[in-house]
Amino acid sequence: MWCLPAETGRSMERRIRAYAELIVRKGVNVQSGQRVVITADTETAAFVRLLADAAYNAGAAHVHVHWADEAVSKMMYLRADHEALRRVDPWRVEYYRYYDGINACYIFIDSDDPELLSEVEPERIKDASKSTGTAFKAHDEMISANRVRWTVAGVPSRAWAAKVFPDLAEEEAVGALWAKILGASRVDVDPVAAWQEHDRMFKERLNFLNGSAFAALRFTNALGTDLRLELPRGHYWEGGSNTAADGKHFFPNIPTEEVYTLPHCRSAKGRVVASMPLTYNGVTIEDFELAFEAGRVVSHKAGRNAKVLEGILELDEGARMLGEVALVPHLSPISRMNTRFHSTLFDENASCHLALGKAYPMIHGYDGLSPEQAEACGINDSITHVDFMFGTADLCATGFTADGREVPIFINGNWAI
C-alpha cells in the first residue's frame, strides 16, 4: 500500500481496511442504490480504492472520485493569472448541483500539507477563497444544514506526516501518523460497536445541554480569553451522529469528540486567545487573538501570517462573526495523544473551539425561515467557516439560564457534570 513503512504487515492493513469500512458504513452510511462522491488528493489513491470497494460492497450505485493534486494546486496559486483565481468555471458549480439533487453522499479526505501555500501572497489566497466560497455557497448550505450525508476523514500524506513528526524518517513518520489516526478513529476493536457506544456518550452530554436551554455562555482562562456569547432562542446542540434530510444517520467527522451549537451572531463580546496554531488553506496562522463587540471582530493580531488572518475576516461581513461554539474536554482521547496534528479535523477534537463565518442552522423550525428571518434569529451567514481552537487545561465555561441561574459546564478544561 502507498506511503506505508516497508515492515507494515497484515495487522496494519486490516486496521486500514476497517477504517475505510467505518467511513463508508458509519461516516456517510451509504445506502443501496446511492451515488457516492469522494474528494481526495492523488497521493491517497490506494486508500480511495479501499473506500470505493467498501462503498460498492454497501450497495452504492456509482462511486465518483473528484481528484486533486497538491503540487498542481500550488502551481495554480503561485502562477495562475490572478483574475483566474477570482473566477470559478460554471461546470464546477453544476457538478455539485447535480449530485446534491440526486441525494449523493460525500466523503472528503483530508491529507493536506499544512505549509503548502506558505509562499503564496495572502491576497491571492483570499481572492481564491472568496470566489470558491461564493460559487459553492448553495452546496455548502446543503452540507451545513445536513440535507445530504457527508463526512471528513484523515489519511496521511508524506508532507503532512513530516510536519507532525519532523524527527522521523519519511516512512516512519507516515506509519506514526497512520497509527495516531487509526487510534483516534476507534478501529482497534470492533469499530461499529465502538462508535455506537461513542454515540451513546454524546447523547448524555446533549441531554444535559439541550435540557438546560442556556441563554448565554462565558469562557475564561489564564491565557487571556474572557468571552461571553448569547445563544439564539430555540437553539439546540448536536454531537456524534447527525440525521440527514432523508432520515438516515451519519457522522460528519471521523474522528469526533465535540458537541456544538451556534452562538447568536451579534452577541459575542470580549477577547479570545487561540490555544493552537490554525492551519488554513496551506498556511499556518500562529499566536493570534480576536476581540469582539456586538458579535463582530473589532481588532485582531497574530504572531505569524497576520495578513492571512486579515484575509479571512475580509471575505464578507459574516466572516467577522461567529457561526459555531464547540465543547471538547481537555481529557478527550485526541488531546491525551499530546500530538499537534496541524489539521483542524484532529486539533479541533482536542480542544474547545469557535468558528468564524457560516453557522450550522441549529434552531428548531429553521427550514421554514426566510434568509431575513434566519438573520433576525441570529444565524450567521457567510461564504466561509473557519474553526479555531481556544480550549486549555484551565478553561472554565459557565452557562446562564433565562432565569439568571449560573451553571458550571467546564471546570479546569473538563466537564463539570
Protein backbone atom coordinates (compact mmCIF):
# COMPACT_ATOMS: atom_id res chain seq x y z
CA MET A 1 0.00 0.00 0.00
CA TRP A 2 1.19 3.52 -0.79
CA CYS A 3 3.30 5.50 1.61
CA LEU A 4 3.46 2.96 4.45
CA PRO A 5 6.56 1.61 6.22
CA ALA A 6 8.09 -1.38 4.48
CA GLU A 7 7.57 -3.53 7.58
CA THR A 8 3.83 -2.89 7.62
CA GLY A 9 2.09 -6.24 7.93
CA ARG A 10 -1.40 -7.65 7.89
CA SER A 11 -2.35 -6.05 11.18
CA MET A 12 -1.93 -2.51 9.84
CA GLU A 13 -3.59 -3.40 6.55
CA ARG A 14 -6.55 -4.90 8.44
CA ARG A 15 -6.92 -1.74 10.53
CA ILE A 16 -6.78 0.49 7.46
CA ARG A 17 -9.43 -1.59 5.70
CA ALA A 18 -11.57 -1.38 8.84
CA TYR A 19 -11.10 2.40 8.78
CA ALA A 20 -12.34 2.55 5.16
CA GLU A 21 -15.36 0.43 6.10
CA LEU A 22 -16.06 2.71 9.08
CA ILE A 23 -16.04 5.83 6.90
CA VAL A 24 -18.46 4.23 4.44
CA ARG A 25 -20.78 2.41 6.88
CA LYS A 26 -20.89 4.89 9.77
CA GLY A 27 -19.43 8.10 8.33
CA VAL A 28 -21.79 8.54 5.37
CA ASN A 29 -23.95 5.44 5.91
CA VAL A 30 -24.06 4.52 2.20
CA GLN A 31 -27.44 3.16 1.13
CA SER A 32 -28.22 0.68 -1.62
CA GLY A 33 -28.50 2.43 -4.98
CA GLN A 34 -26.90 5.67 -3.75
CA ARG A 35 -24.24 7.73 -5.52
CA VAL A 36 -21.01 8.41 -3.59
CA VAL A 37 -18.64 11.31 -4.28
CA ILE A 38 -15.11 11.10 -2.87
CA THR A 39 -12.86 14.17 -2.87
CA ALA A 40 -9.21 13.32 -2.32
CA ASP A 41 -5.62 14.09 -3.31
CA THR A 42 -3.89 11.80 -5.78
CA GLU A 43 -1.37 10.70 -3.12
CA THR A 44 -4.19 8.92 -1.27
CA ALA A 45 -5.23 6.87 -4.32
CA ALA A 46 -4.69 3.43 -2.76
CA PHE A 47 -6.88 4.30 0.23
CA VAL A 48 -9.54 5.80 -2.05
CA ARG A 49 -9.72 2.45 -3.83
CA LEU A 50 -10.46 0.82 -0.46
CA LEU A 51 -13.24 3.37 0.07
CA ALA A 52 -14.70 2.68 -3.36
CA ASP A 53 -14.60 -1.07 -2.72
CA ALA A 54 -16.34 -0.62 0.63
CA ALA A 55 -18.95 1.66 -0.93
CA TYR A 56 -19.78 -0.81 -3.68
CA ASN A 57 -19.96 -3.58 -1.06
CA ALA A 58 -22.51 -1.42 0.77
CA GLY A 59 -24.65 -1.23 -2.37
CA ALA A 60 -23.53 2.07 -3.93
CA ALA A 61 -24.82 2.54 -7.47
CA HIS A 62 -21.77 4.53 -8.54
CA VAL A 63 -18.65 5.99 -6.91
CA HIS A 64 -17.21 9.13 -8.45
CA VAL A 65 -13.79 10.38 -7.36
CA HIS A 66 -13.02 14.09 -7.56
CA TRP A 67 -9.23 14.14 -7.67
CA ALA A 68 -6.99 16.98 -6.55
CA ASP A 69 -3.21 17.24 -6.71
CA GLU A 70 -1.38 19.43 -4.21
CA ALA A 71 1.61 20.04 -6.48
CA VAL A 72 -0.65 21.31 -9.28
CA SER A 73 -2.73 23.32 -6.80
CA LYS A 74 0.40 25.05 -5.54
CA MET A 75 1.38 25.90 -9.11
CA MET A 76 -2.05 27.43 -9.63
CA TYR A 77 -1.85 29.62 -6.53
CA LEU A 78 1.67 30.76 -7.38
CA ARG A 79 1.50 31.13 -11.15
CA ALA A 80 -2.07 31.30 -12.46
CA ASP A 81 -3.38 34.60 -13.73
CA HIS A 82 -4.74 36.50 -10.72
CA GLU A 83 -8.06 37.09 -12.46
CA ALA A 84 -8.43 33.35 -12.97
CA LEU A 85 -8.28 32.89 -9.19
CA ARG A 86 -11.27 35.23 -8.90
CA ARG A 87 -13.45 33.05 -11.15
CA VAL A 88 -14.98 29.58 -10.89
CA ASP A 89 -15.99 27.78 -14.07
CA PRO A 90 -19.77 27.13 -14.23
CA TRP A 91 -19.34 23.38 -14.80
CA ARG A 92 -17.80 23.05 -11.34
CA VAL A 93 -20.92 24.54 -9.77
CA GLU A 94 -23.17 22.29 -11.87
CA TYR A 95 -21.17 19.26 -10.71
CA TYR A 96 -22.28 19.72 -7.10
CA ARG A 97 -25.77 20.87 -8.06
CA TYR A 98 -26.28 17.58 -9.91
CA TYR A 99 -25.03 15.36 -7.09
CA ASP A 100 -26.91 17.35 -4.44
CA GLY A 101 -30.06 16.93 -6.49
CA ILE A 102 -29.84 13.13 -6.51
CA ASN A 103 -29.02 12.83 -2.77
CA ALA A 104 -25.43 11.70 -3.22
CA CYS A 105 -23.28 11.38 -0.12
CA TYR A 106 -19.86 13.00 0.16
CA ILE A 107 -16.57 11.72 1.58
CA PHE A 108 -13.86 14.36 1.94
CA ILE A 109 -10.34 13.02 2.56
CA ASP A 110 -8.08 15.41 4.46
CA SER A 111 -4.39 14.85 3.70
CA ASP A 112 -3.28 18.45 3.22
CA ASP A 113 0.28 19.68 3.57
CA PRO A 114 -0.06 22.29 6.37
CA GLU A 115 2.54 24.53 4.72
CA LEU A 116 1.57 24.02 1.06
CA LEU A 117 0.77 27.67 0.34
CA SER A 118 3.24 29.32 2.70
CA GLU A 119 4.97 31.01 -0.27
CA VAL A 120 1.74 32.37 -1.78
CA GLU A 121 0.75 36.02 -1.40
CA PRO A 122 -2.13 36.31 1.10
CA GLU A 123 -4.16 38.40 -1.37
CA ARG A 124 -4.20 35.52 -3.87
CA ILE A 125 -5.35 33.08 -1.20
CA LYS A 126 -8.10 35.48 -0.11
CA ASP A 127 -9.36 36.06 -3.66
CA ALA A 128 -9.40 32.34 -4.47
CA SER A 129 -11.22 31.56 -1.21
CA LYS A 130 -13.78 34.27 -1.89
CA SER A 131 -14.51 33.06 -5.43
CA THR A 132 -14.92 29.40 -4.45
CA GLY A 133 -16.93 30.26 -1.34
CA THR A 134 -19.32 32.39 -3.37
CA ALA A 135 -19.66 29.87 -6.19
CA PHE A 136 -20.30 26.87 -3.95
CA LYS A 137 -22.50 28.60 -1.39
CA ALA A 138 -25.60 26.58 -2.31
CA HIS A 139 -23.69 23.30 -1.95
CA ASP A 140 -22.18 24.44 1.35
CA GLU A 141 -25.71 25.18 2.57
CA MET A 142 -26.70 21.58 1.76
CA ILE A 143 -23.75 20.39 3.81
CA SER A 144 -24.18 22.74 6.79
CA ALA A 145 -27.92 22.05 7.04
CA ASN A 146 -27.32 18.25 6.82
CA ARG A 147 -29.59 17.97 3.81
CA VAL A 148 -27.13 15.42 2.44
CA ARG A 149 -24.89 12.95 4.26
CA TRP A 150 -21.20 13.80 4.41
CA THR A 151 -18.04 13.09 6.37
CA VAL A 152 -14.45 14.29 6.62
CA ALA A 153 -11.69 11.82 7.48
CA GLY A 154 -7.90 12.00 7.51
CA VAL A 155 -5.33 10.00 5.55
CA PRO A 156 -1.56 10.63 5.89
CA SER A 157 0.44 12.27 3.15
CA ARG A 158 4.22 12.45 3.24
CA ALA A 159 4.25 16.22 3.72
CA TRP A 160 1.63 16.14 6.49
CA ALA A 161 3.42 13.30 8.32
CA ALA A 162 6.73 15.17 8.11
CA LYS A 163 5.13 18.23 9.73
CA VAL A 164 3.67 16.19 12.60
CA PHE A 165 6.80 14.04 13.11
CA PRO A 166 9.75 16.11 11.84
CA ASP A 167 12.35 13.96 13.62
CA LEU A 168 11.32 10.70 11.93
CA ALA A 169 12.32 9.31 8.55
CA GLU A 170 9.62 9.58 5.89
CA GLU A 171 8.28 6.02 6.12
CA GLU A 172 8.37 6.07 9.92
CA ALA A 173 6.56 9.41 10.04
CA VAL A 174 3.78 8.17 7.77
CA GLY A 175 3.42 5.00 9.82
CA ALA A 176 3.32 7.01 13.05
CA LEU A 177 0.62 9.30 11.67
CA TRP A 178 -1.42 6.32 10.48
CA ALA A 179 -1.22 4.88 14.00
CA LYS A 180 -2.49 8.15 15.51
CA ILE A 181 -5.35 8.46 13.01
CA LEU A 182 -6.49 4.86 13.46
CA GLY A 183 -6.31 5.13 17.25
CA ALA A 184 -8.28 8.39 17.26
CA SER A 185 -10.87 6.77 15.00
CA ARG A 186 -11.51 3.80 17.31
CA VAL A 187 -10.74 1.00 14.86
CA ASP A 188 -8.60 -1.10 17.20
CA VAL A 189 -11.61 -3.07 18.44
CA ASP A 190 -14.98 -3.66 16.78
CA PRO A 191 -15.35 -0.24 15.04
CA VAL A 192 -19.14 -0.37 14.65
CA ALA A 193 -19.70 -1.30 18.29
CA ALA A 194 -17.14 1.28 19.45
CA TRP A 195 -18.88 4.05 17.53
CA GLN A 196 -22.30 3.03 18.79
CA GLU A 197 -21.03 3.35 22.38
CA HIS A 198 -19.27 6.61 21.50
CA ASP A 199 -22.54 7.96 20.14
CA ARG A 200 -24.37 6.97 23.33
CA MET A 201 -21.93 9.06 25.39
CA PHE A 202 -22.59 12.04 23.13
CA LYS A 203 -26.31 11.77 23.74
CA GLU A 204 -25.78 12.01 27.52
CA ARG A 205 -23.98 15.34 27.08
CA LEU A 206 -26.58 16.56 24.61
CA ASN A 207 -29.40 15.72 27.00
CA PHE A 208 -27.77 17.92 29.63
CA LEU A 209 -27.09 20.86 27.30
CA ASN A 210 -30.41 20.79 25.46
CA GLY A 211 -32.29 20.25 28.70
CA SER A 212 -30.56 23.26 30.27
CA ALA A 213 -31.59 25.61 27.41
CA PHE A 214 -28.82 28.07 28.26
CA ALA A 215 -29.37 31.66 27.20
CA ALA A 216 -25.66 32.55 27.30
CA LEU A 217 -22.17 31.13 27.82
CA ARG A 218 -18.99 32.64 29.27
CA PHE A 219 -15.45 31.30 28.78
CA THR A 220 -12.37 32.30 30.78
CA ASN A 221 -8.80 31.06 31.19
CA ALA A 222 -5.35 32.26 32.20
CA LEU A 223 -4.28 32.63 28.57
CA GLY A 224 -6.44 35.75 28.38
CA THR A 225 -9.73 34.51 26.99
CA ASP A 226 -12.78 36.18 28.51
CA LEU A 227 -15.67 35.83 26.10
CA ARG A 228 -19.43 35.94 26.51
CA LEU A 229 -21.83 34.56 23.92
CA GLU A 230 -25.61 34.62 23.82
CA LEU A 231 -27.38 31.64 22.29
CA PRO A 232 -30.36 32.08 19.95
CA ARG A 233 -33.82 31.26 21.24
CA GLY A 234 -34.79 27.78 20.10
CA HIS A 235 -31.21 26.63 19.54
CA TYR A 236 -30.11 23.04 20.10
CA TRP A 237 -26.80 21.21 20.48
CA GLU A 238 -25.53 18.37 18.32
CA GLY A 239 -22.64 15.92 18.54
CA GLY A 240 -21.79 12.42 17.44
CA SER A 241 -24.20 11.21 14.78
CA ASN A 242 -26.44 13.60 12.86
CA THR A 243 -29.63 12.93 10.89
CA ALA A 244 -29.86 13.95 7.23
CA ALA A 245 -32.96 15.11 5.39
CA ASP A 246 -33.67 11.53 4.29
CA GLY A 247 -33.80 10.38 7.91
CA LYS A 248 -30.53 8.43 7.77
CA HIS A 249 -27.85 8.84 10.45
CA PHE A 250 -24.24 9.75 9.67
CA PHE A 251 -21.10 11.09 11.36
CA PRO A 252 -19.84 14.37 9.81
CA ASN A 253 -16.32 13.90 11.19
CA ILE A 254 -14.21 10.83 11.84
CA PRO A 255 -12.86 11.19 14.47
CA THR A 256 -15.16 13.40 16.54
CA GLU A 257 -15.21 14.42 20.21
CA GLU A 258 -17.20 17.70 20.07
CA VAL A 259 -20.68 18.86 20.97
CA TYR A 260 -21.59 22.13 19.30
CA THR A 261 -24.21 24.75 18.60
CA LEU A 262 -24.41 28.25 17.14
CA PRO A 263 -23.98 31.50 19.08
CA HIS A 264 -26.20 34.45 18.27
CA CYS A 265 -24.17 36.15 15.55
CA ARG A 266 -24.49 39.63 17.07
CA SER A 267 -23.74 38.63 20.66
CA ALA A 268 -20.01 37.88 21.08
CA LYS A 269 -18.34 40.27 23.49
CA GLY A 270 -14.81 40.10 24.87
CA ARG A 271 -11.49 38.56 23.91
CA VAL A 272 -10.50 35.10 22.77
CA VAL A 273 -6.90 33.89 22.53
CA ALA A 274 -6.13 30.94 20.26
CA SER A 275 -4.59 27.99 22.09
CA MET A 276 -3.22 26.31 18.94
CA PRO A 277 -1.99 27.47 15.55
CA LEU A 278 -4.61 27.47 12.79
CA THR A 279 -3.84 25.71 9.52
CA TYR A 280 -5.85 27.47 6.83
CA ASN A 281 -5.57 26.70 3.10
CA GLY A 282 -1.98 25.54 3.38
CA VAL A 283 -0.82 28.37 5.65
CA THR A 284 -0.28 28.32 9.41
CA ILE A 285 -1.51 31.28 11.49
CA GLU A 286 0.15 31.41 14.91
CA ASP A 287 -0.21 33.29 18.22
CA PHE A 288 -3.41 35.10 17.34
CA GLU A 289 -6.30 36.62 19.22
CA LEU A 290 -9.57 38.34 18.42
CA ALA A 291 -11.60 40.99 20.22
CA PHE A 292 -15.39 41.12 19.75
CA GLU A 293 -18.02 43.78 20.25
CA ALA A 294 -21.70 43.23 19.39
CA GLY A 295 -20.73 39.98 17.67
CA ARG A 296 -18.11 41.41 15.28
CA VAL A 297 -14.33 41.17 15.37
CA VAL A 298 -13.21 44.73 16.09
CA SER A 299 -9.49 44.03 16.47
CA HIS A 300 -7.12 41.17 15.85
CA LYS A 301 -3.44 40.29 15.85
CA ALA A 302 -1.24 37.34 15.04
CA GLY A 303 2.42 36.50 15.56
CA ARG A 304 2.67 34.80 12.16
CA ASN A 305 0.65 35.23 8.96
CA ALA A 306 -1.46 38.10 10.28
CA LYS A 307 -2.27 39.07 6.68
CA VAL A 308 -3.86 35.67 6.08
CA LEU A 309 -5.98 36.11 9.21
CA GLU A 310 -6.99 39.53 7.98
CA GLY A 311 -7.91 38.00 4.63
CA ILE A 312 -10.28 35.55 6.33
CA LEU A 313 -12.02 38.41 8.12
CA GLU A 314 -12.38 40.35 4.88
CA LEU A 315 -14.08 37.58 2.89
CA ASP A 316 -17.52 39.00 3.68
CA GLU A 317 -19.44 40.60 6.53
CA GLY A 318 -20.29 37.26 8.11
CA ALA A 319 -16.61 36.25 8.29
CA ARG A 320 -16.18 38.72 11.19
CA MET A 321 -18.87 36.99 13.24
CA LEU A 322 -19.12 33.56 14.83
CA GLY A 323 -21.05 30.60 13.47
CA GLU A 324 -20.16 27.83 15.91
CA VAL A 325 -19.16 27.19 19.51
CA ALA A 326 -17.96 23.67 20.33
CA LEU A 327 -17.14 21.97 23.62
CA VAL A 328 -14.36 19.37 23.81
CA PRO A 329 -12.90 18.24 27.15
CA HIS A 330 -9.19 18.67 27.69
CA LEU A 331 -9.05 14.97 28.57
CA SER A 332 -10.54 13.87 25.23
CA PRO A 333 -8.74 10.85 23.70
CA ILE A 334 -7.21 13.01 20.98
CA SER A 335 -6.00 15.62 23.46
CA ARG A 336 -4.40 12.85 25.53
CA MET A 337 -2.33 11.85 22.50
CA ASN A 338 -0.37 15.05 23.14
CA THR A 339 0.14 15.48 19.39
CA ARG A 340 -0.20 18.66 17.38
CA PHE A 341 -1.78 17.36 14.18
CA HIS A 342 -1.62 20.64 12.21
CA SER A 343 -5.04 19.66 10.86
CA THR A 344 -8.27 21.26 12.02
CA LEU A 345 -10.10 17.92 11.74
CA PHE A 346 -7.94 16.47 14.52
CA ASP A 347 -6.87 19.54 16.50
CA GLU A 348 -10.46 20.76 16.91
CA ASN A 349 -11.32 17.43 18.53
CA ALA A 350 -8.63 18.01 21.16
CA SER A 351 -9.84 21.46 22.19
CA CYS A 352 -12.88 23.68 22.62
CA HIS A 353 -13.21 25.78 19.50
CA LEU A 354 -15.12 28.53 17.75
CA ALA A 355 -15.73 29.13 14.07
CA LEU A 356 -15.72 32.37 12.15
CA GLY A 357 -18.34 32.52 9.41
CA LYS A 358 -21.31 30.44 8.40
CA ALA A 359 -23.40 28.87 11.15
CA TYR A 360 -24.82 25.39 11.22
CA PRO A 361 -28.51 26.39 11.40
CA MET A 362 -29.28 24.57 14.63
CA ILE A 363 -32.54 26.30 15.53
CA HIS A 364 -35.85 24.44 15.75
CA GLY A 365 -38.05 25.42 12.82
CA TYR A 366 -35.16 26.63 10.66
CA ASP A 367 -36.47 25.01 7.46
CA GLY A 368 -39.44 27.38 7.40
CA LEU A 369 -37.39 30.55 7.75
CA SER A 370 -36.61 33.06 5.01
CA PRO A 371 -32.99 34.36 4.84
CA GLU A 372 -34.17 37.57 6.50
CA GLN A 373 -35.88 35.67 9.32
CA ALA A 374 -32.83 33.46 9.81
CA GLU A 375 -30.63 36.52 10.12
CA ALA A 376 -33.03 38.07 12.62
CA CYS A 377 -32.81 34.89 14.72
CA GLY A 378 -29.04 35.31 14.92
CA ILE A 379 -27.96 32.67 12.37
CA ASN A 380 -24.74 33.90 10.81
CA ASP A 381 -24.37 33.67 7.03
CA SER A 382 -21.06 33.69 5.20
CA ILE A 383 -19.15 32.06 2.37
CA THR A 384 -16.63 30.68 4.86
CA HIS A 385 -16.50 28.59 8.02
CA VAL A 386 -13.12 28.59 9.79
CA ASP A 387 -12.67 26.70 13.06
CA PHE A 388 -10.00 27.77 15.53
CA MET A 389 -9.07 26.34 18.91
CA PHE A 390 -9.15 28.17 22.25
CA GLY A 391 -9.54 25.36 24.81
CA THR A 392 -6.93 24.94 27.56
CA ALA A 393 -6.36 22.79 30.63
CA ASP A 394 -7.71 25.60 32.83
CA LEU A 395 -10.64 26.72 30.69
CA CYS A 396 -13.83 27.41 32.61
CA ALA A 397 -17.21 27.56 30.87
CA THR A 398 -20.36 28.79 32.58
CA GLY A 399 -23.91 28.57 31.30
CA PHE A 400 -26.53 31.20 32.14
CA THR A 401 -30.19 30.22 32.12
CA ALA A 402 -33.00 32.55 31.13
CA ASP A 403 -33.98 32.94 34.78
CA GLY A 404 -30.47 34.04 35.75
CA ARG A 405 -29.00 30.85 37.20
CA GLU A 406 -25.28 30.18 36.63
CA VAL A 407 -24.37 26.56 35.89
CA PRO A 408 -20.75 25.33 35.63
CA ILE A 409 -20.24 23.44 32.35
CA PHE A 410 -16.43 23.12 32.26
CA ILE A 411 -14.08 23.41 35.23
CA ASN A 412 -10.34 23.26 34.55
CA GLY A 413 -10.86 22.19 30.96
CA ASN A 414 -13.27 19.30 31.56
CA TRP A 415 -16.95 18.65 32.09
CA ALA A 416 -18.26 19.85 35.44
CA ILE A 417 -21.17 17.38 35.35
